[in-house]
Amino acid sequence: MITTAGCASTRVIPEALESKVEKTVTFEQILESPDSHRGKVVLLGGEVLKAKAMKGGTQLEVLQLPLDDDQEPDLDRMHSKGRFLALHKEFLDPATIVDGTRVTIVGEVTGAVVEKMDEADYRFPTLEVRHLHRWDRRREDHPRTSGPWWGVFGGVGFGGGGSRSGGGISIGF
């Protein structure tokens, strides 16, 4: 299952999975000991670095980023604690999940694999995707702030004080 966030409030964790997610398990714990968390359903987010079509679905290499109260990944890559691989059992065209797409994933920990990252070996924790939520890239252009904001090329809008719903107006010149 995949969802995409727009201007309106969207459920990041499907109701059917809400009670199964072990929210106390952190990425750092999974990174340190992936086998001890095998089978646990967790919530992780980050930025897609690479999407690759595989025989059994689509593999996403994700730069982990902390999630905010709305389960949206942080924008600052410096807050990352590492990378993970997420296998989506259904085929997703890699062209639809371009590098830089921010995602929140409900997934089951399946262990870890060692693969090359440039010239170094890197141990990637692995997840099987139960639910993938893609964040709308356009929202990054307009930070969640109260009061008016002005964009490049004549954009203007009004923030909703951090809310996920709100409006705006854009004027192009």
N, C-alpha and C. Protein backbone atom coordinates (compact mmCIF):
# COMPACT_ATOMS: atom_id res chain seq x y z
N MET A 1 0.84 -1.17 0.00
CA MET A 1 0.00 0.00 0.00
C MET A 1 0.89 1.24 0.00
N ILE A 2 0.49 2.22 -0.77
CA ILE A 2 1.23 3.48 -0.87
C ILE A 2 0.26 4.62 -0.71
N THR A 3 0.67 5.65 0.05
CA THR A 3 -0.12 6.88 0.11
C THR A 3 0.81 8.04 -0.20
N THR A 4 0.21 9.13 -0.61
CA THR A 4 0.97 10.35 -0.89
C THR A 4 0.30 11.49 -0.16
N ALA A 5 1.09 12.33 0.49
CA ALA A 5 0.54 13.46 1.23
C ALA A 5 0.39 14.66 0.32
N GLY A 6 -0.70 15.34 0.46
CA GLY A 6 -0.93 16.59 -0.25
C GLY A 6 -1.12 17.67 0.78
N CYS A 7 -2.07 18.57 0.55
CA CYS A 7 -2.32 19.66 1.49
C CYS A 7 -3.17 19.20 2.67
N ALA A 8 -4.04 18.25 2.45
CA ALA A 8 -4.93 17.82 3.53
C ALA A 8 -4.22 16.80 4.41
N SER A 9 -4.74 16.65 5.60
CA SER A 9 -4.20 15.69 6.55
C SER A 9 -4.40 14.27 6.01
N THR A 10 -3.35 13.45 6.04
CA THR A 10 -3.40 12.09 5.54
C THR A 10 -2.88 11.17 6.62
N ARG A 11 -3.49 10.00 6.76
CA ARG A 11 -3.07 9.02 7.74
C ARG A 11 -1.77 8.37 7.27
N VAL A 12 -0.71 8.49 8.06
CA VAL A 12 0.59 7.94 7.70
C VAL A 12 0.65 6.45 8.01
N ILE A 13 0.12 6.06 9.17
CA ILE A 13 0.07 4.66 9.56
C ILE A 13 -1.37 4.19 9.39
N PRO A 14 -1.60 3.21 8.51
CA PRO A 14 -2.97 2.72 8.34
C PRO A 14 -3.51 2.17 9.66
N GLU A 15 -4.78 2.36 9.87
CA GLU A 15 -5.42 1.92 11.11
C GLU A 15 -5.16 0.44 11.39
N ALA A 16 -5.17 -0.39 10.36
CA ALA A 16 -4.96 -1.83 10.52
C ALA A 16 -3.56 -2.17 11.04
N LEU A 17 -2.60 -1.28 10.83
CA LEU A 17 -1.22 -1.53 11.27
C LEU A 17 -0.85 -0.79 12.55
N GLU A 18 -1.65 0.19 12.93
CA GLU A 18 -1.34 1.06 14.08
C GLU A 18 -0.96 0.26 15.33
N SER A 19 -1.73 -0.74 15.68
CA SER A 19 -1.48 -1.49 16.92
C SER A 19 -0.29 -2.44 16.79
N LYS A 20 0.14 -2.73 15.59
CA LYS A 20 1.25 -3.66 15.37
C LYS A 20 2.61 -2.97 15.42
N VAL A 21 2.64 -1.66 15.23
CA VAL A 21 3.91 -0.92 15.18
C VAL A 21 4.50 -0.79 16.58
N GLU A 22 5.74 -1.22 16.72
CA GLU A 22 6.46 -1.10 18.00
C GLU A 22 7.19 0.24 17.99
N LYS A 23 6.51 1.25 18.50
CA LYS A 23 7.00 2.63 18.41
C LYS A 23 8.20 2.91 19.31
N THR A 24 8.48 2.04 20.25
CA THR A 24 9.62 2.27 21.14
C THR A 24 10.94 1.79 20.54
N VAL A 25 10.88 1.00 19.47
CA VAL A 25 12.10 0.50 18.83
C VAL A 25 12.67 1.61 17.95
N THR A 26 13.92 1.98 18.20
CA THR A 26 14.55 3.07 17.46
C THR A 26 15.41 2.52 16.32
N PHE A 27 15.72 3.39 15.38
CA PHE A 27 16.60 3.00 14.28
C PHE A 27 17.97 2.59 14.82
N GLU A 28 18.47 3.31 15.82
CA GLU A 28 19.78 3.00 16.39
C GLU A 28 19.80 1.58 16.95
N GLN A 29 18.71 1.15 17.61
CA GLN A 29 18.64 -0.21 18.14
C GLN A 29 18.64 -1.24 17.02
N ILE A 30 17.91 -0.95 15.96
CA ILE A 30 17.87 -1.87 14.81
C ILE A 30 19.24 -1.94 14.15
N LEU A 31 19.89 -0.80 13.99
CA LEU A 31 21.21 -0.73 13.37
C LEU A 31 22.23 -1.53 14.18
N GLU A 32 22.16 -1.42 15.50
CA GLU A 32 23.10 -2.10 16.38
C GLU A 32 22.88 -3.61 16.39
N SER A 33 21.61 -4.04 16.38
CA SER A 33 21.32 -5.47 16.51
C SER A 33 20.08 -5.85 15.70
N PRO A 34 20.21 -5.88 14.37
CA PRO A 34 19.04 -6.14 13.54
C PRO A 34 18.40 -7.51 13.79
N ASP A 35 19.22 -8.52 14.05
CA ASP A 35 18.65 -9.86 14.26
C ASP A 35 17.78 -9.95 15.51
N SER A 36 18.10 -9.17 16.54
CA SER A 36 17.29 -9.23 17.76
C SER A 36 15.94 -8.52 17.58
N HIS A 37 15.79 -7.79 16.48
CA HIS A 37 14.52 -7.10 16.21
C HIS A 37 13.78 -7.73 15.04
N ARG A 38 14.31 -8.84 14.54
CA ARG A 38 13.69 -9.55 13.41
C ARG A 38 12.23 -9.87 13.73
N GLY A 39 11.35 -9.58 12.78
CA GLY A 39 9.93 -9.86 12.95
C GLY A 39 9.14 -8.72 13.57
N LYS A 40 9.82 -7.74 14.12
CA LYS A 40 9.12 -6.60 14.72
C LYS A 40 8.68 -5.63 13.62
N VAL A 41 7.50 -5.06 13.79
CA VAL A 41 6.98 -4.07 12.86
C VAL A 41 7.34 -2.70 13.42
N VAL A 42 8.06 -1.91 12.61
CA VAL A 42 8.58 -0.62 13.07
C VAL A 42 8.19 0.49 12.10
N LEU A 43 8.40 1.71 12.56
CA LEU A 43 8.13 2.90 11.76
C LEU A 43 9.46 3.63 11.55
N LEU A 44 9.90 3.73 10.30
CA LEU A 44 11.13 4.43 9.97
C LEU A 44 10.87 5.39 8.82
N GLY A 45 11.68 6.42 8.75
CA GLY A 45 11.52 7.36 7.65
C GLY A 45 12.86 7.85 7.17
N GLY A 46 12.82 8.55 6.06
CA GLY A 46 14.03 9.11 5.52
C GLY A 46 13.88 9.55 4.09
N GLU A 47 15.02 9.63 3.43
CA GLU A 47 15.09 10.10 2.05
C GLU A 47 15.59 8.97 1.16
N VAL A 48 14.86 8.68 0.10
CA VAL A 48 15.26 7.62 -0.83
C VAL A 48 16.53 8.06 -1.56
N LEU A 49 17.55 7.22 -1.48
CA LEU A 49 18.79 7.48 -2.19
C LEU A 49 18.82 6.74 -3.53
N LYS A 50 18.13 5.58 -3.55
CA LYS A 50 18.12 4.78 -4.77
C LYS A 50 16.94 3.82 -4.71
N ALA A 51 16.26 3.66 -5.83
CA ALA A 51 15.21 2.64 -5.98
C ALA A 51 15.66 1.69 -7.08
N LYS A 52 15.54 0.38 -6.80
CA LYS A 52 16.04 -0.61 -7.75
C LYS A 52 15.00 -1.71 -7.92
N ALA A 53 14.62 -1.97 -9.19
CA ALA A 53 13.70 -3.07 -9.48
C ALA A 53 14.44 -4.38 -9.24
N MET A 54 13.78 -5.29 -8.52
CA MET A 54 14.36 -6.59 -8.19
C MET A 54 13.40 -7.68 -8.66
N LYS A 55 13.87 -8.91 -8.62
CA LYS A 55 13.02 -10.03 -8.99
C LYS A 55 11.79 -10.12 -8.09
N GLY A 56 11.95 -9.84 -6.80
CA GLY A 56 10.86 -9.98 -5.85
C GLY A 56 10.17 -8.68 -5.48
N GLY A 57 10.33 -7.64 -6.28
CA GLY A 57 9.69 -6.35 -5.97
C GLY A 57 10.62 -5.19 -6.26
N THR A 58 10.58 -4.20 -5.39
CA THR A 58 11.42 -3.01 -5.55
C THR A 58 12.17 -2.75 -4.25
N GLN A 59 13.48 -2.57 -4.36
CA GLN A 59 14.31 -2.29 -3.19
C GLN A 59 14.60 -0.80 -3.12
N LEU A 60 14.37 -0.22 -1.94
CA LEU A 60 14.67 1.18 -1.71
C LEU A 60 15.85 1.28 -0.76
N GLU A 61 16.86 2.06 -1.14
CA GLU A 61 17.93 2.40 -0.21
C GLU A 61 17.55 3.75 0.37
N VAL A 62 17.41 3.79 1.70
CA VAL A 62 16.88 4.98 2.37
C VAL A 62 17.90 5.52 3.36
N LEU A 63 18.16 6.82 3.29
CA LEU A 63 18.95 7.51 4.31
C LEU A 63 18.00 7.80 5.46
N GLN A 64 18.19 7.14 6.59
CA GLN A 64 17.29 7.31 7.73
C GLN A 64 17.32 8.74 8.22
N LEU A 65 16.15 9.27 8.53
CA LEU A 65 16.02 10.59 9.13
C LEU A 65 14.98 10.51 10.24
N PRO A 66 15.18 11.25 11.33
CA PRO A 66 14.19 11.22 12.41
C PRO A 66 12.83 11.71 11.92
N LEU A 67 11.78 11.20 12.54
CA LEU A 67 10.42 11.59 12.20
C LEU A 67 9.92 12.63 13.19
N ASP A 68 9.13 13.58 12.70
CA ASP A 68 8.51 14.57 13.59
C ASP A 68 7.20 14.01 14.15
N ASP A 69 6.45 14.82 14.85
CA ASP A 69 5.20 14.38 15.47
C ASP A 69 4.16 13.93 14.46
N ASP A 70 4.29 14.36 13.21
CA ASP A 70 3.37 13.95 12.14
C ASP A 70 3.92 12.76 11.36
N GLN A 71 5.02 12.17 11.85
CA GLN A 71 5.70 11.03 11.20
C GLN A 71 6.36 11.43 9.88
N GLU A 72 6.64 12.72 9.70
CA GLU A 72 7.31 13.20 8.49
C GLU A 72 8.82 13.27 8.75
N PRO A 73 9.65 12.78 7.81
CA PRO A 73 11.09 12.82 8.00
C PRO A 73 11.64 14.24 8.05
N ASP A 74 12.64 14.41 8.91
CA ASP A 74 13.38 15.66 9.03
C ASP A 74 13.99 16.01 7.66
N LEU A 75 14.18 17.28 7.41
CA LEU A 75 14.79 17.71 6.14
C LEU A 75 16.31 17.74 6.20
N ASP A 76 16.88 17.76 7.41
CA ASP A 76 18.32 17.93 7.57
C ASP A 76 19.03 16.57 7.56
N ARG A 77 19.78 16.31 6.50
CA ARG A 77 20.50 15.04 6.37
C ARG A 77 21.52 14.81 7.50
N MET A 78 21.97 15.89 8.13
CA MET A 78 22.94 15.76 9.21
C MET A 78 22.36 15.03 10.42
N HIS A 79 21.04 14.89 10.49
CA HIS A 79 20.40 14.20 11.61
C HIS A 79 20.29 12.69 11.38
N SER A 80 20.78 12.21 10.25
CA SER A 80 20.69 10.79 9.92
C SER A 80 21.61 9.96 10.81
N LYS A 81 21.15 8.74 11.12
CA LYS A 81 21.96 7.79 11.89
C LYS A 81 22.46 6.65 11.01
N GLY A 82 22.14 6.70 9.71
CA GLY A 82 22.60 5.64 8.81
C GLY A 82 21.62 5.37 7.68
N ARG A 83 21.76 4.20 7.10
CA ARG A 83 20.92 3.81 5.96
C ARG A 83 20.25 2.48 6.24
N PHE A 84 19.17 2.24 5.51
CA PHE A 84 18.52 0.93 5.56
C PHE A 84 17.97 0.59 4.18
N LEU A 85 17.70 -0.71 3.97
CA LEU A 85 17.10 -1.18 2.73
C LEU A 85 15.68 -1.64 3.03
N ALA A 86 14.76 -1.23 2.19
CA ALA A 86 13.35 -1.62 2.35
C ALA A 86 12.91 -2.30 1.07
N LEU A 87 12.40 -3.53 1.19
CA LEU A 87 11.92 -4.27 0.03
C LEU A 87 10.40 -4.18 -0.02
N HIS A 88 9.91 -3.62 -1.11
CA HIS A 88 8.47 -3.55 -1.35
C HIS A 88 8.16 -4.73 -2.27
N LYS A 89 7.32 -5.67 -1.81
CA LYS A 89 7.05 -6.91 -2.55
C LYS A 89 6.37 -6.67 -3.90
N GLU A 90 5.69 -5.55 -4.03
CA GLU A 90 5.06 -5.23 -5.31
C GLU A 90 6.04 -4.40 -6.13
N PHE A 91 5.92 -4.52 -7.44
CA PHE A 91 6.78 -3.73 -8.31
C PHE A 91 6.37 -2.26 -8.26
N LEU A 92 7.33 -1.41 -7.97
CA LEU A 92 7.16 0.04 -8.07
C LEU A 92 8.18 0.51 -9.08
N ASP A 93 7.75 1.20 -10.09
CA ASP A 93 8.69 1.69 -11.09
C ASP A 93 9.66 2.65 -10.42
N PRO A 94 10.97 2.36 -10.46
CA PRO A 94 11.94 3.25 -9.82
C PRO A 94 11.84 4.70 -10.29
N ALA A 95 11.31 4.92 -11.49
CA ALA A 95 11.15 6.30 -11.98
C ALA A 95 10.10 7.06 -11.19
N THR A 96 9.23 6.34 -10.46
CA THR A 96 8.19 7.01 -9.67
C THR A 96 8.64 7.31 -8.25
N ILE A 97 9.78 6.78 -7.86
CA ILE A 97 10.34 7.05 -6.53
C ILE A 97 11.75 7.58 -6.76
N VAL A 98 11.82 8.81 -7.18
CA VAL A 98 13.10 9.39 -7.57
C VAL A 98 13.96 9.67 -6.34
N ASP A 99 15.26 9.74 -6.58
CA ASP A 99 16.19 10.08 -5.50
C ASP A 99 15.74 11.38 -4.85
N GLY A 100 15.77 11.41 -3.53
CA GLY A 100 15.36 12.60 -2.80
C GLY A 100 13.93 12.55 -2.29
N THR A 101 13.15 11.56 -2.73
CA THR A 101 11.78 11.42 -2.25
C THR A 101 11.81 11.08 -0.76
N ARG A 102 11.07 11.82 0.04
CA ARG A 102 10.99 11.52 1.47
C ARG A 102 9.86 10.54 1.70
N VAL A 103 10.14 9.53 2.54
CA VAL A 103 9.18 8.46 2.80
C VAL A 103 9.10 8.15 4.29
N THR A 104 7.94 7.64 4.68
CA THR A 104 7.77 7.03 5.99
C THR A 104 7.30 5.62 5.72
N ILE A 105 7.95 4.65 6.35
CA ILE A 105 7.70 3.24 6.07
C ILE A 105 7.29 2.51 7.33
N VAL A 106 6.20 1.76 7.24
CA VAL A 106 5.86 0.77 8.25
C VAL A 106 6.39 -0.53 7.67
N GLY A 107 7.32 -1.16 8.38
CA GLY A 107 7.92 -2.37 7.83
C GLY A 107 8.31 -3.36 8.90
N GLU A 108 8.45 -4.60 8.47
CA GLU A 108 8.88 -5.67 9.36
C GLU A 108 10.38 -5.85 9.21
N VAL A 109 11.10 -5.83 10.33
CA VAL A 109 12.55 -6.01 10.31
C VAL A 109 12.85 -7.45 9.88
N THR A 110 13.71 -7.59 8.85
CA THR A 110 14.04 -8.92 8.34
C THR A 110 15.51 -9.29 8.58
N GLY A 111 16.28 -8.39 9.18
CA GLY A 111 17.68 -8.68 9.46
C GLY A 111 18.58 -7.60 8.90
N ALA A 112 19.68 -8.05 8.26
CA ALA A 112 20.65 -7.11 7.68
C ALA A 112 21.40 -7.80 6.56
N VAL A 113 21.92 -7.00 5.65
CA VAL A 113 22.79 -7.50 4.58
C VAL A 113 23.99 -6.56 4.48
N VAL A 114 25.11 -7.14 4.07
CA VAL A 114 26.31 -6.33 3.86
C VAL A 114 26.45 -6.12 2.35
N GLU A 115 26.51 -4.86 1.96
CA GLU A 115 26.68 -4.50 0.55
C GLU A 115 27.70 -3.38 0.47
N LYS A 116 28.17 -3.15 -0.73
CA LYS A 116 29.14 -2.07 -0.95
C LYS A 116 28.44 -0.72 -0.93
N MET A 117 29.05 0.22 -0.23
CA MET A 117 28.66 1.62 -0.30
C MET A 117 29.93 2.33 -0.75
N ASP A 118 29.95 2.71 -2.01
CA ASP A 118 31.18 3.18 -2.66
C ASP A 118 32.20 2.05 -2.58
N GLU A 119 33.31 2.23 -1.88
CA GLU A 119 34.32 1.18 -1.81
C GLU A 119 34.31 0.45 -0.47
N ALA A 120 33.45 0.83 0.43
CA ALA A 120 33.41 0.23 1.76
C ALA A 120 32.24 -0.75 1.89
N ASP A 121 32.43 -1.77 2.74
CA ASP A 121 31.33 -2.65 3.08
C ASP A 121 30.46 -1.95 4.11
N TYR A 122 29.15 -2.05 3.95
CA TYR A 122 28.21 -1.40 4.87
C TYR A 122 27.11 -2.40 5.21
N ARG A 123 26.80 -2.51 6.49
CA ARG A 123 25.72 -3.41 6.93
C ARG A 123 24.42 -2.62 6.97
N PHE A 124 23.53 -2.96 6.06
CA PHE A 124 22.22 -2.31 5.96
C PHE A 124 21.19 -3.12 6.73
N PRO A 125 20.52 -2.53 7.72
CA PRO A 125 19.33 -3.20 8.27
C PRO A 125 18.31 -3.33 7.13
N THR A 126 17.52 -4.40 7.15
CA THR A 126 16.55 -4.63 6.08
C THR A 126 15.13 -4.71 6.64
N LEU A 127 14.20 -4.21 5.84
CA LEU A 127 12.77 -4.23 6.19
C LEU A 127 11.98 -4.77 5.02
N GLU A 128 10.87 -5.42 5.32
CA GLU A 128 9.87 -5.74 4.31
C GLU A 128 8.76 -4.72 4.49
N VAL A 129 8.47 -3.97 3.45
CA VAL A 129 7.50 -2.88 3.53
C VAL A 129 6.09 -3.43 3.71
N ARG A 130 5.41 -2.92 4.73
CA ARG A 130 3.98 -3.19 4.93
C ARG A 130 3.15 -2.02 4.43
N HIS A 131 3.73 -0.81 4.56
CA HIS A 131 3.06 0.41 4.09
C HIS A 131 4.13 1.46 3.80
N LEU A 132 3.98 2.13 2.66
CA LEU A 132 4.91 3.17 2.24
C LEU A 132 4.12 4.46 2.04
N HIS A 133 4.57 5.51 2.73
CA HIS A 133 3.94 6.82 2.61
C HIS A 133 4.96 7.76 1.98
N ARG A 134 4.63 8.30 0.82
CA ARG A 134 5.50 9.27 0.15
C ARG A 134 5.05 10.67 0.51
N TRP A 135 6.01 11.53 0.82
CA TRP A 135 5.70 12.92 1.17
C TRP A 135 5.80 13.78 -0.07
N ASP A 136 4.88 14.68 -0.19
CA ASP A 136 4.81 15.59 -1.33
C ASP A 136 6.03 16.50 -1.32
N ARG A 137 6.81 16.48 -2.37
CA ARG A 137 8.04 17.28 -2.45
C ARG A 137 7.77 18.77 -2.41
N ARG A 138 6.64 19.21 -2.92
CA ARG A 138 6.36 20.64 -2.98
C ARG A 138 6.25 21.27 -1.60
N ARG A 139 5.92 20.49 -0.60
CA ARG A 139 5.77 21.04 0.75
C ARG A 139 7.09 21.53 1.30
N GLU A 140 8.19 20.95 0.85
CA GLU A 140 9.51 21.36 1.32
C GLU A 140 9.83 22.79 0.91
N ASP A 141 9.19 23.25 -0.16
CA ASP A 141 9.46 24.60 -0.64
C ASP A 141 8.87 25.67 0.27
N HIS A 142 7.90 25.30 1.09
CA HIS A 142 7.20 26.26 1.94
C HIS A 142 7.20 25.74 3.38
N PRO A 143 8.17 26.14 4.19
CA PRO A 143 8.25 25.65 5.55
C PRO A 143 6.98 25.96 6.34
N ARG A 144 6.71 25.10 7.34
CA ARG A 144 5.51 25.29 8.16
C ARG A 144 5.78 26.37 9.19
N THR A 145 5.36 27.56 8.88
CA THR A 145 5.51 28.68 9.81
C THR A 145 4.21 29.44 9.87
N SER A 146 4.04 30.18 10.93
CA SER A 146 2.87 31.04 11.05
C SER A 146 3.12 32.32 10.27
N GLY A 147 2.06 32.92 9.82
CA GLY A 147 2.19 34.21 9.14
C GLY A 147 2.49 34.05 7.67
N PRO A 148 2.63 35.15 7.00
CA PRO A 148 2.84 35.10 5.55
C PRO A 148 4.26 34.69 5.20
N TRP A 149 4.41 34.11 4.00
CA TRP A 149 5.73 33.84 3.46
C TRP A 149 5.72 34.23 1.99
N TRP A 150 6.89 34.53 1.49
CA TRP A 150 7.03 34.94 0.10
C TRP A 150 8.00 34.00 -0.56
N GLY A 151 7.68 33.57 -1.75
CA GLY A 151 8.55 32.67 -2.48
C GLY A 151 9.24 33.36 -3.63
N VAL A 152 10.20 32.67 -4.18
CA VAL A 152 10.91 33.17 -5.35
C VAL A 152 9.93 33.20 -6.52
N PHE A 153 10.09 34.11 -7.43
CA PHE A 153 9.26 34.26 -8.62
C PHE A 153 7.83 34.67 -8.28
N GLY A 154 7.65 35.38 -7.19
CA GLY A 154 6.34 35.96 -6.90
C GLY A 154 5.40 35.11 -6.10
N GLY A 155 5.83 33.97 -5.55
CA GLY A 155 4.93 33.15 -4.73
C GLY A 155 4.65 33.81 -3.40
N VAL A 156 3.44 33.71 -2.93
CA VAL A 156 3.07 34.25 -1.63
C VAL A 156 2.11 33.27 -0.98
N GLY A 157 2.17 33.15 0.33
CA GLY A 157 1.26 32.22 1.01
C GLY A 157 1.11 32.60 2.46
N PHE A 158 0.25 31.87 3.13
CA PHE A 158 0.00 32.11 4.55
C PHE A 158 0.12 30.79 5.27
N GLY A 159 0.99 30.72 6.28
CA GLY A 159 1.21 29.49 7.02
C GLY A 159 0.10 29.23 8.00
N GLY A 160 -0.01 27.96 8.35
CA GLY A 160 -1.06 27.55 9.28
C GLY A 160 -0.52 27.20 10.64
N GLY A 161 0.60 27.77 11.03
CA GLY A 161 1.15 27.51 12.36
C GLY A 161 1.64 26.09 12.55
N GLY A 162 2.09 25.45 11.48
CA GLY A 162 2.62 24.10 11.58
C GLY A 162 1.60 23.04 11.27
N SER A 163 0.41 23.41 10.95
CA SER A 163 -0.64 22.45 10.66
C SER A 163 -0.40 21.77 9.33
N ARG A 164 -0.92 20.57 9.18
CA ARG A 164 -0.84 19.84 7.93
C ARG A 164 -1.92 20.28 6.96
N SER A 165 -2.91 21.00 7.42
CA SER A 165 -3.92 21.49 6.50
C SER A 165 -3.80 23.00 6.45
N GLY A 166 -4.17 23.57 5.38
CA GLY A 166 -4.06 25.01 5.25
C GLY A 166 -4.15 25.39 3.80
N GLY A 167 -3.99 26.62 3.56
CA GLY A 167 -4.13 27.07 2.19
C GLY A 167 -2.99 27.97 1.81
N GLY A 168 -3.04 28.40 0.62
CA GLY A 168 -2.00 29.29 0.14
C GLY A 168 -2.44 29.87 -1.18
N ILE A 169 -1.71 30.81 -1.58
CA ILE A 169 -2.00 31.45 -2.86
C ILE A 169 -0.68 31.62 -3.56
N SER A 170 -0.63 31.37 -4.83
CA SER A 170 0.60 31.52 -5.58
C SER A 170 0.34 32.40 -6.78
N ILE A 171 1.18 33.36 -6.93
CA ILE A 171 1.03 34.29 -8.04
C ILE A 171 2.30 34.21 -8.87
N GLY A 172 2.18 33.83 -10.12
CA GLY A 172 3.36 33.74 -10.99
C GLY A 172 3.51 34.99 -11.83
N PHE A 173 4.74 35.44 -12.00
CA PHE A 173 5.00 36.62 -12.82
C PHE A 173 5.74 36.21 -14.08
